[in-house]
C-alpha atoms as a PDB file:
ATOM      1  CA  MET A   1       0.142   0.052   0.348  1.00  0.00           C
ATOM      2  CA  SER A   2       1.178   3.694  -0.607  1.00  0.00           C
ATOM      3  CA  THR A   3       1.296   6.076   2.465  1.00  0.00           C
ATOM      4  CA  THR A   4       3.379   8.824   1.046  1.00  0.00           C
ATOM      5  CA  ALA A   5       1.590  11.933   1.119  1.00  0.00           C
ATOM      6  CA  PRO A   6       1.957  14.187  -2.139  1.00  0.00           C
ATOM      7  CA  SER A   7       2.293  17.156   0.001  1.00  0.00           C
ATOM      8  CA  LEU A   8       5.101  15.636   2.283  1.00  0.00           C
ATOM      9  CA  ASP A   9       8.889  16.057   0.915  1.00  0.00           C
ATOM     10  CA  PRO A  10      11.014  13.615   3.407  1.00  0.00           C
ATOM     11  CA  GLN A  11      14.234  15.890   2.561  1.00  0.00           C
ATOM     12  CA  ILE A  12      12.413  19.047   3.726  1.00  0.00           C
ATOM     13  CA  ALA A  13      10.677  17.145   6.594  1.00  0.00           C
ATOM     14  CA  CYS A  14      13.944  15.770   8.011  1.00  0.00           C
ATOM     15  CA  GLU A  15      15.512  19.124   7.859  1.00  0.00           C
ATOM     16  CA  GLU A  16      12.476  20.591   9.718  1.00  0.00           C
ATOM     17  CA  LEU A  17      12.466  17.697  12.140  1.00  0.00           C
ATOM     18  CA  ARG A  18      16.288  18.083  13.156  1.00  0.00           C
ATOM     19  CA  GLN A  19      15.669  21.673  14.249  1.00  0.00           C
ATOM     20  CA  ARG A  20      13.320  20.515  16.575  1.00  0.00           C
ATOM     21  CA  SER A  21      13.023  18.901  20.290  1.00  0.00           C
ATOM     22  CA  ALA A  22      11.593  15.144  20.656  1.00  0.00           C
ATOM     23  CA  LEU A  23       8.414  16.492  21.943  1.00  0.00           C
ATOM     24  CA  GLU A  24       7.802  18.498  18.699  1.00  0.00           C
ATOM     25  CA  ARG A  25       8.734  15.794  16.884  1.00  0.00           C
ATOM     26  CA  MET A  26       5.886  13.694  18.070  1.00  0.00           C
ATOM     27  CA  ARG A  27       3.462  16.880  17.765  1.00  0.00           C
ATOM     28  CA  TRP A  28       4.835  17.035  14.459  1.00  0.00           C
ATOM     29  CA  GLY A  29       3.700  13.323  13.521  1.00  0.00           C
ATOM     30  CA  LEU A  30       0.546  14.072  14.911  1.00  0.00           C
ATOM     31  CA  GLU A  31      -0.172  17.003  13.273  1.00  0.00           C
ATOM     32  CA  HIS A  32       0.934  15.579   9.641  1.00  0.00           C
ATOM     33  CA  PHE A  33      -0.962  12.031  10.028  1.00  0.00           C
ATOM     34  CA  GLY A  34      -3.539  12.579  12.286  1.00  0.00           C
ATOM     35  CA  GLU A  35      -5.660   9.333  13.343  1.00  0.00           C
ATOM     36  CA  GLY A  36      -2.518   7.502  11.142  1.00  0.00           C
ATOM     37  CA  PHE A  37      -0.244   8.197  13.856  1.00  0.00           C
ATOM     38  CA  ALA A  38       0.914   5.874  16.206  1.00  0.00           C
ATOM     39  CA  LEU A  39       4.082   4.640  18.740  1.00  0.00           C
ATOM     40  CA  THR A  40       5.795   1.242  18.711  1.00  0.00           C
ATOM     41  CA  THR A  41       7.297  -0.062  22.108  1.00  0.00           C
ATOM     42  CA  SER A  42       8.977  -2.933  23.777  1.00  0.00           C
ATOM     43  CA  PHE A  43       8.794  -1.444  26.966  1.00  0.00           C
ATOM     44  CA  GLY A  44      12.322  -1.853  27.078  1.00  0.00           C
ATOM     45  CA  ILE A  45      15.139  -0.266  29.470  1.00  0.00           C
ATOM     46  CA  GLN A  46      14.772   3.122  27.724  1.00  0.00           C
ATOM     47  CA  ALA A  47      10.999   2.942  26.641  1.00  0.00           C
ATOM     48  CA  ALA A  48       9.729   5.284  29.573  1.00  0.00           C
ATOM     49  CA  VAL A  49      10.845   8.344  27.551  1.00  0.00           C
ATOM     50  CA  SER A  50       8.962   8.037  24.180  1.00  0.00           C
ATOM     51  CA  LEU A  51       5.883   6.530  26.203  1.00  0.00           C
ATOM     52  CA  HIS A  52       6.200   9.709  28.599  1.00  0.00           C
ATOM     53  CA  LEU A  53       6.616  11.780  25.095  1.00  0.00           C
ATOM     54  CA  ILE A  54       3.598  10.431  23.398  1.00  0.00           C
ATOM     55  CA  SER A  55       1.620  11.085  26.621  1.00  0.00           C
ATOM     56  CA  GLN A  56       2.050  14.783  26.763  1.00  0.00           C
ATOM     57  CA  LEU A  57       0.051  15.097  23.337  1.00  0.00           C
ATOM     58  CA  ASP A  58      -3.321  16.987  23.068  1.00  0.00           C
ATOM     59  CA  GLN A  59      -4.909  13.967  22.297  1.00  0.00           C
ATOM     60  CA  PRO A  60      -4.146  10.214  22.776  1.00  0.00           C
ATOM     61  CA  VAL A  61      -2.196   7.961  20.263  1.00  0.00           C
ATOM     62  CA  PRO A  62      -2.030   4.538  19.936  1.00  0.00           C
ATOM     63  CA  VAL A  63       0.836   2.616  21.267  1.00  0.00           C
ATOM     64  CA  ILE A  64       1.589  -0.541  19.710  1.00  0.00           C
ATOM     65  CA  TRP A  65       3.625  -3.161  21.993  1.00  0.00           C
ATOM     66  CA  VAL A  66       4.798  -6.091  20.256  1.00  0.00           C
ATOM     67  CA  ASP A  67       4.509  -8.684  22.792  1.00  0.00           C
ATOM     68  CA  THR A  68       6.388 -12.093  21.519  1.00  0.00           C
ATOM     69  CA  GLY A  69       5.291 -13.880  24.261  1.00  0.00           C
ATOM     70  CA  TYR A  70       8.851 -14.487  25.309  1.00  0.00           C
ATOM     71  CA  LEU A  71       9.329 -11.364  27.370  1.00  0.00           C
ATOM     72  CA  PRO A  72      11.079 -11.269  30.769  1.00  0.00           C
ATOM     73  CA  PRO A  73       8.772 -11.282  33.572  1.00  0.00           C
ATOM     74  CA  GLU A  74       9.813  -8.070  34.560  1.00  0.00           C
ATOM     75  CA  THR A  75       9.178  -6.184  31.397  1.00  0.00           C
ATOM     76  CA  TYR A  76       5.590  -7.409  31.581  1.00  0.00           C
ATOM     77  CA  GLN A  77       5.145  -6.002  35.468  1.00  0.00           C
ATOM     78  CA  TYR A  78       7.292  -2.991  34.262  1.00  0.00           C
ATOM     79  CA  ALA A  79       4.878  -2.418  31.152  1.00  0.00           C
ATOM     80  CA  GLN A  80       1.906  -2.443  33.955  1.00  0.00           C
ATOM     81  CA  THR A  81       3.446   0.242  35.768  1.00  0.00           C
ATOM     82  CA  LEU A  82       4.010   2.667  32.866  1.00  0.00           C
ATOM     83  CA  LEU A  83       0.231   1.768  31.969  1.00  0.00           C
ATOM     84  CA  ASP A  84      -0.904   2.716  35.122  1.00  0.00           C
ATOM     85  CA  ARG A  85       1.412   5.736  35.445  1.00  0.00           C
ATOM     86  CA  LEU A  86       0.916   7.188  31.649  1.00  0.00           C
ATOM     87  CA  GLY A  87      -2.428   6.274  30.903  1.00  0.00           C
ATOM     88  CA  LEU A  88      -1.632   5.117  27.508  1.00  0.00           C
ATOM     89  CA  ARG A  89      -3.943   4.033  24.510  1.00  0.00           C
ATOM     90  CA  LEU A  90      -2.270   0.532  24.409  1.00  0.00           C
ATOM     91  CA  HIS A  91      -2.790  -2.198  21.457  1.00  0.00           C
ATOM     92  CA  VAL A  92      -0.786  -5.438  21.988  1.00  0.00           C
ATOM     93  CA  ALA A  93       0.407  -6.881  18.961  1.00  0.00           C
ATOM     94  CA  GLN A  94       1.159 -10.858  18.904  1.00  0.00           C
ATOM     95  CA  ALA A  95       1.666 -13.622  16.700  1.00  0.00           C
ATOM     96  CA  SER A  96      -1.164 -15.620  15.304  1.00  0.00           C
ATOM     97  CA  MET A  97       0.971 -18.738  16.037  1.00  0.00           C
ATOM     98  CA  SER A  98       1.601 -19.537  20.030  1.00  0.00           C
ATOM     99  CA  PRO A  99       5.005 -19.983  21.399  1.00  0.00           C
ATOM    100  CA  ALA A 100       4.114 -23.668  21.774  1.00  0.00           C
ATOM    101  CA  ARG A 101       2.997 -24.034  18.309  1.00  0.00           C
ATOM    102  CA  MET A 102       6.097 -22.486  16.819  1.00  0.00           C
ATOM    103  CA  GLU A 103       8.394 -24.323  18.912  1.00  0.00           C
ATOM    104  CA  ALA A 104       6.563 -27.629  17.785  1.00  0.00           C
ATOM    105  CA  LEU A 105       6.508 -26.961  14.076  1.00  0.00           C
ATOM    106  CA  HIS A 106      10.029 -25.009  14.122  1.00  0.00           C
ATOM    107  CA  GLY A 107      11.858 -25.905  17.185  1.00  0.00           C
ATOM    108  CA  ARG A 108      13.420 -23.476  19.538  1.00  0.00           C
ATOM    109  CA  LEU A 109      14.627 -21.051  16.688  1.00  0.00           C
ATOM    110  CA  TRP A 110      16.767 -18.828  18.875  1.00  0.00           C
ATOM    111  CA  GLU A 111      19.021 -21.915  19.848  1.00  0.00           C
ATOM    112  CA  THR A 112      20.647 -23.058  16.728  1.00  0.00           C
ATOM    113  CA  GLY A 113      23.099 -20.636  16.368  1.00  0.00           C
ATOM    114  CA  GLN A 114      21.968 -20.038  12.913  1.00  0.00           C
ATOM    115  CA  VAL A 115      21.180 -16.257  11.581  1.00  0.00           C
ATOM    116  CA  ASP A 116      18.208 -17.684   9.404  1.00  0.00           C
ATOM    117  CA  ASP A 117      16.699 -19.347  12.407  1.00  0.00           C
ATOM    118  CA  LEU A 118      16.765 -16.106  14.257  1.00  0.00           C
ATOM    119  CA  GLU A 119      15.392 -14.165  11.284  1.00  0.00           C
ATOM    120  CA  THR A 120      12.439 -16.493  11.116  1.00  0.00           C
ATOM    121  CA  TYR A 121      12.016 -16.065  14.558  1.00  0.00           C
ATOM    122  CA  HIS A 122      11.871 -12.303  14.327  1.00  0.00           C
ATOM    123  CA  ARG A 123       9.582 -12.560  11.358  1.00  0.00           C
ATOM    124  CA  ILE A 124       7.117 -14.610  12.965  1.00  0.00           C
ATOM    125  CA  ARG A 125       6.900 -13.063  16.407  1.00  0.00           C
ATOM    126  CA  LYS A 126       7.841  -9.718  15.699  1.00  0.00           C
ATOM    127  CA  VAL A 127       7.593  -8.126  12.258  1.00  0.00           C
ATOM    128  CA  GLU A 128       4.496  -9.709  10.884  1.00  0.00           C
ATOM    129  CA  PRO A 129       2.413  -9.160  13.990  1.00  0.00           C
ATOM    130  CA  LEU A 130       3.360  -5.392  14.037  1.00  0.00           C
ATOM    131  CA  ASP A 131       2.728  -5.062  10.181  1.00  0.00           C
ATOM    132  CA  GLN A 132      -0.493  -6.450  10.993  1.00  0.00           C
ATOM    133  CA  ALA A 133      -0.933  -4.141  13.917  1.00  0.00           C
ATOM    134  CA  LEU A 134      -0.374  -1.164  11.633  1.00  0.00           C
ATOM    135  CA  ASN A 135      -2.648  -2.596   9.056  1.00  0.00           C
ATOM    136  CA  ASP A 136      -5.640  -2.785  11.774  1.00  0.00           C
ATOM    137  CA  LEU A 137      -5.175   0.834  12.854  1.00  0.00           C
ATOM    138  CA  SER A 138      -4.973   1.906   9.327  1.00  0.00           C
ATOM    139  CA  VAL A 139      -1.348   3.410  10.846  1.00  0.00           C
ATOM    140  CA  THR A 140       0.771   5.499   8.041  1.00  0.00           C
ATOM    141  CA  CYS A 141       3.385   6.889  10.166  1.00  0.00           C
ATOM    142  CA  TRP A 142       4.602   5.150  13.530  1.00  0.00           C
ATOM    143  CA  ALA A 143       7.091   6.614  15.863  1.00  0.00           C
ATOM    144  CA  SER A 144       9.865   4.731  17.594  1.00  0.00           C
ATOM    145  CA  GLY A 145      12.349   5.376  20.433  1.00  0.00           C
ATOM    146  CA  VAL A 146      15.475   4.169  18.065  1.00  0.00           C
ATOM    147  CA  ARG A 147      18.499   5.960  18.822  1.00  0.00           C
ATOM    148  CA  GLY A 148      21.640   6.419  16.250  1.00  0.00           C
ATOM    149  CA  GLY A 149      24.054   5.430  18.492  1.00  0.00           C
ATOM    150  CA  GLN A 150      22.558   1.811  19.309  1.00  0.00           C
ATOM    151  CA  THR A 151      23.455  -0.327  15.786  1.00  0.00           C
ATOM    152  CA  ASP A 152      25.604   0.349  12.978  1.00  0.00           C
ATOM    153  CA  HIS A 153      22.536   0.363  10.698  1.00  0.00           C
ATOM    154  CA  ARG A 154      20.632   3.004  13.187  1.00  0.00           C
ATOM    155  CA  LYS A 155      23.609   5.381  12.716  1.00  0.00           C
ATOM    156  CA  ALA A 156      22.384   6.012   9.158  1.00  0.00           C
ATOM    157  CA  MET A 157      18.915   6.470   9.833  1.00  0.00           C
ATOM    158  CA  GLN A 158      16.826   9.707   9.082  1.00  0.00           C
ATOM    159  CA  PRO A 159      14.483  11.273  11.169  1.00  0.00           C
ATOM    160  CA  LEU A 160      11.983  10.283   8.753  1.00  0.00           C
ATOM    161  CA  GLN A 161      12.161   7.425   6.244  1.00  0.00           C
ATOM    162  CA  LEU A 162       9.927   4.969   4.516  1.00  0.00           C
ATOM    163  CA  VAL A 163       9.937   1.617   5.991  1.00  0.00           C
ATOM    164  CA  ARG A 164       8.097  -1.253   4.263  1.00  0.00           C
ATOM    165  CA  GLY A 165       5.521   1.301   2.673  1.00  0.00           C
ATOM    166  CA  ARG A 166       4.820   3.630   5.984  1.00  0.00           C
ATOM    167  CA  TRP A 167       6.627   6.293   7.039  1.00  0.00           C
ATOM    168  CA  SER A 168       8.769   5.830  10.299  1.00  0.00           C
ATOM    169  CA  LEU A 169       9.608   8.657  12.742  1.00  0.00           C
ATOM    170  CA  ARG A 170      12.489   8.994  15.185  1.00  0.00           C
ATOM    171  CA  PRO A 171      12.081  11.640  17.431  1.00  0.00           C
ATOM    172  CA  LEU A 172      14.982  10.226  19.802  1.00  0.00           C
ATOM    173  CA  LEU A 173      17.265   9.371  16.963  1.00  0.00           C
ATOM    174  CA  ASP A 174      20.054  12.032  17.982  1.00  0.00           C
ATOM    175  CA  TRP A 175      19.643  11.471  21.851  1.00  0.00           C
ATOM    176  CA  THR A 176      22.527   9.934  23.879  1.00  0.00           C
ATOM    177  CA  ASN A 177      22.402   7.783  26.694  1.00  0.00           C
ATOM    178  CA  LYS A 178      23.038  10.822  28.852  1.00  0.00           C
ATOM    179  CA  ASP A 179      19.933  12.479  27.180  1.00  0.00           C
ATOM    180  CA  VAL A 180      17.971   9.676  28.161  1.00  0.00           C
ATOM    181  CA  PHE A 181      19.394   9.577  31.940  1.00  0.00           C
ATOM    182  CA  TYR A 182      18.490  13.080  32.505  1.00  0.00           C
ATOM    183  CA  TYR A 183      15.096  12.995  30.862  1.00  0.00           C
ATOM    184  CA  MET A 184      14.167  10.102  33.003  1.00  0.00           C
ATOM    185  CA  GLN A 185      15.574  11.599  36.139  1.00  0.00           C
ATOM    186  CA  GLU A 186      14.004  15.098  35.563  1.00  0.00           C
ATOM    187  CA  ASN A 187      10.469  13.584  34.672  1.00  0.00           C
ATOM    188  CA  ASP A 188      10.809  10.815  37.937  1.00  0.00           C
ATOM    189  CA  LEU A 189      10.282   8.138  35.294  1.00  0.00           C
ATOM    190  CA  PRO A 190      10.712   4.665  36.698  1.00  0.00           C
ATOM    191  CA  GLN A 191      13.715   2.194  35.630  1.00  0.00           C
ATOM    192  CA  HIS A 192      13.330  -1.267  33.895  1.00  0.00           C
ATOM    193  CA  PRO A 193      13.751  -3.519  36.804  1.00  0.00           C
ATOM    194  CA  LEU A 194      16.416  -5.446  34.797  1.00  0.00           C
ATOM    195  CA  PHE A 195      18.417  -2.029  34.530  1.00  0.00           C
ATOM    196  CA  GLU A 196      19.832  -2.363  37.913  1.00  0.00           C
ATOM    197  CA  ARG A 197      20.805  -5.834  36.980  1.00  0.00           C
ATOM    198  CA  GLY A 198      23.428  -4.438  34.549  1.00  0.00           C
ATOM    199  CA  TYR A 199      21.066  -4.458  31.417  1.00  0.00           C
ATOM    200  CA  SER A 200      21.575  -1.788  28.947  1.00  0.00           C
ATOM    201  CA  THR A 201      18.994  -3.185  26.698  1.00  0.00           C
ATOM    202  CA  VAL A 202      16.270  -5.988  26.771  1.00  0.00           C
ATOM    203  CA  GLY A 203      14.438  -7.861  24.821  1.00  0.00           C
ATOM    204  CA  ASP A 204      13.025 -11.316  25.013  1.00  0.00           C
ATOM    205  CA  TRP A 205      14.598 -13.411  27.882  1.00  0.00           C
ATOM    206  CA  HIS A 206      16.216 -15.966  25.416  1.00  0.00           C
ATOM    207  CA  SER A 207      18.123 -13.148  23.535  1.00  0.00           C
ATOM    208  CA  SER A 208      19.365 -10.561  26.117  1.00  0.00           C
ATOM    209  CA  ALA A 209      21.949 -10.260  28.497  1.00  0.00           C
ATOM    210  CA  PRO A 210      23.613  -8.033  31.088  1.00  0.00           C
ATOM    211  CA  ASP A 211      26.621  -5.824  30.037  1.00  0.00           C
ATOM    212  CA  ASP A 212      29.451  -7.947  31.055  1.00  0.00           C
ATOM    213  CA  GLY A 213      32.399  -5.389  30.750  1.00  0.00           C
ATOM    214  CA  SER A 214      33.378  -6.536  27.225  1.00  0.00           C
ATOM    215  CA  THR A 215      30.138  -6.693  25.404  1.00  0.00           C
ATOM    216  CA  SER A 216      27.321  -3.759  25.975  1.00  0.00           C
ATOM    217  CA  GLY A 217      24.068  -2.621  24.675  1.00  0.00           C
ATOM    218  CA  ARG A 218      22.926  -4.167  21.475  1.00  0.00           C
ATOM    219  CA  ALA A 219      25.835  -6.682  21.241  1.00  0.00           C
ATOM    220  CA  THR A 220      24.453  -8.396  23.814  1.00  0.00           C
ATOM    221  CA  ARG A 221      21.113  -9.427  21.974  1.00  0.00           C
ATOM    222  CA  PHE A 222      20.823 -12.529  20.190  1.00  0.00           C
ATOM    223  CA  GLY A 223      23.733 -14.201  20.908  1.00  0.00           C
ATOM    224  CA  GLY A 224      26.026 -11.466  19.165  1.00  0.00           C
ATOM    225  CA  LEU A 225      24.619 -12.895  15.939  1.00  0.00           C
ATOM    226  CA  LYS A 226      22.737  -9.948  15.089  1.00  0.00           C
ATOM    227  CA  GLN A 227      21.596  -6.401  16.122  1.00  0.00           C
ATOM    228  CA  GLU A 228      18.668  -5.722  14.343  1.00  0.00           C
ATOM    229  CA  CYS A 229      15.443  -7.831  14.789  1.00  0.00           C
ATOM    230  CA  GLY A 230      13.974  -6.834  11.519  1.00  0.00           C
ATOM    231  CA  ILE A 231      11.355  -4.309  12.360  1.00  0.00           C
ATOM    232  CA  HIS A 232      13.425  -1.242  11.702  1.00  0.00           C
ATOM    233  CA  LEU A 233      14.733  -2.841   8.303  1.00  0.00           C
ATOM    234  CA  PRO A 234      13.493  -1.501   5.109  1.00  0.00           C
ATOM    235  CA  GLY A 235      12.784  -4.879   2.993  1.00  0.00           C
ATOM    236  CA  MET A 236      11.210  -7.801   2.802  1.00  0.00           C
ATOM    237  CA  ALA A 237      12.277 -11.230   3.974  1.00  0.00           C
ATOM    238  CA  GLY A 238      15.120 -11.536   1.419  1.00  0.00           C
ATOM    239  CA  GLU A 239      16.517  -8.521   2.774  1.00  0.00           C
ATOM    240  CA  GLY A 240      17.314  -9.611   6.483  1.00  0.00           C
ATOM    241  CA  ILE A 241      13.738  -9.397   7.948  1.00  0.00           C
END
């Protein structure tokens, strides 16, 4: 489906967005896309920032949570804490195939050490559920909390880009770890429980690990085989999703 607004020039939009604060970028998304605007979240270590920002807008914006069914208990508890605190309009996106059925048919895909199996896992449990939710909600632009310093792929990202036929807005793209820390401190936002146990990023329980002194950030994810799960990649299955 085509979601490109004829009046929207991505180069001009990106230049404009670079001059704005993160909250102003969120407002820009709502102003330009209206009911077609949404935020995605994993309720991870730094999720409170984008969730707090979206809660500051003049009208509720759908928050799409991709729940793989394999998140740590602490993430489910943290999600409830933020929901109670921020009053979010939550839409849970889950795979049509249950974890038990997937394991029966495909095995424990994260244990093989094969990148192809990880990509199959991410397609089934993350990418396809998110795309279905975006379709169901008629989303034409989705914001996320990705930051340029997180992975090699994200260093080259623009504030606004097309991803699999929809606009992807990155209000926090130029934020540093310090920016995140001070924002959470200034707004009295709770930390993810696993942050205190050394995690700087967290996803599924089987593909996340605390920083160990030699490995940190996204390099701790997916056994070091991958940095991206595919949600933020532009192509289809053959291009790494």
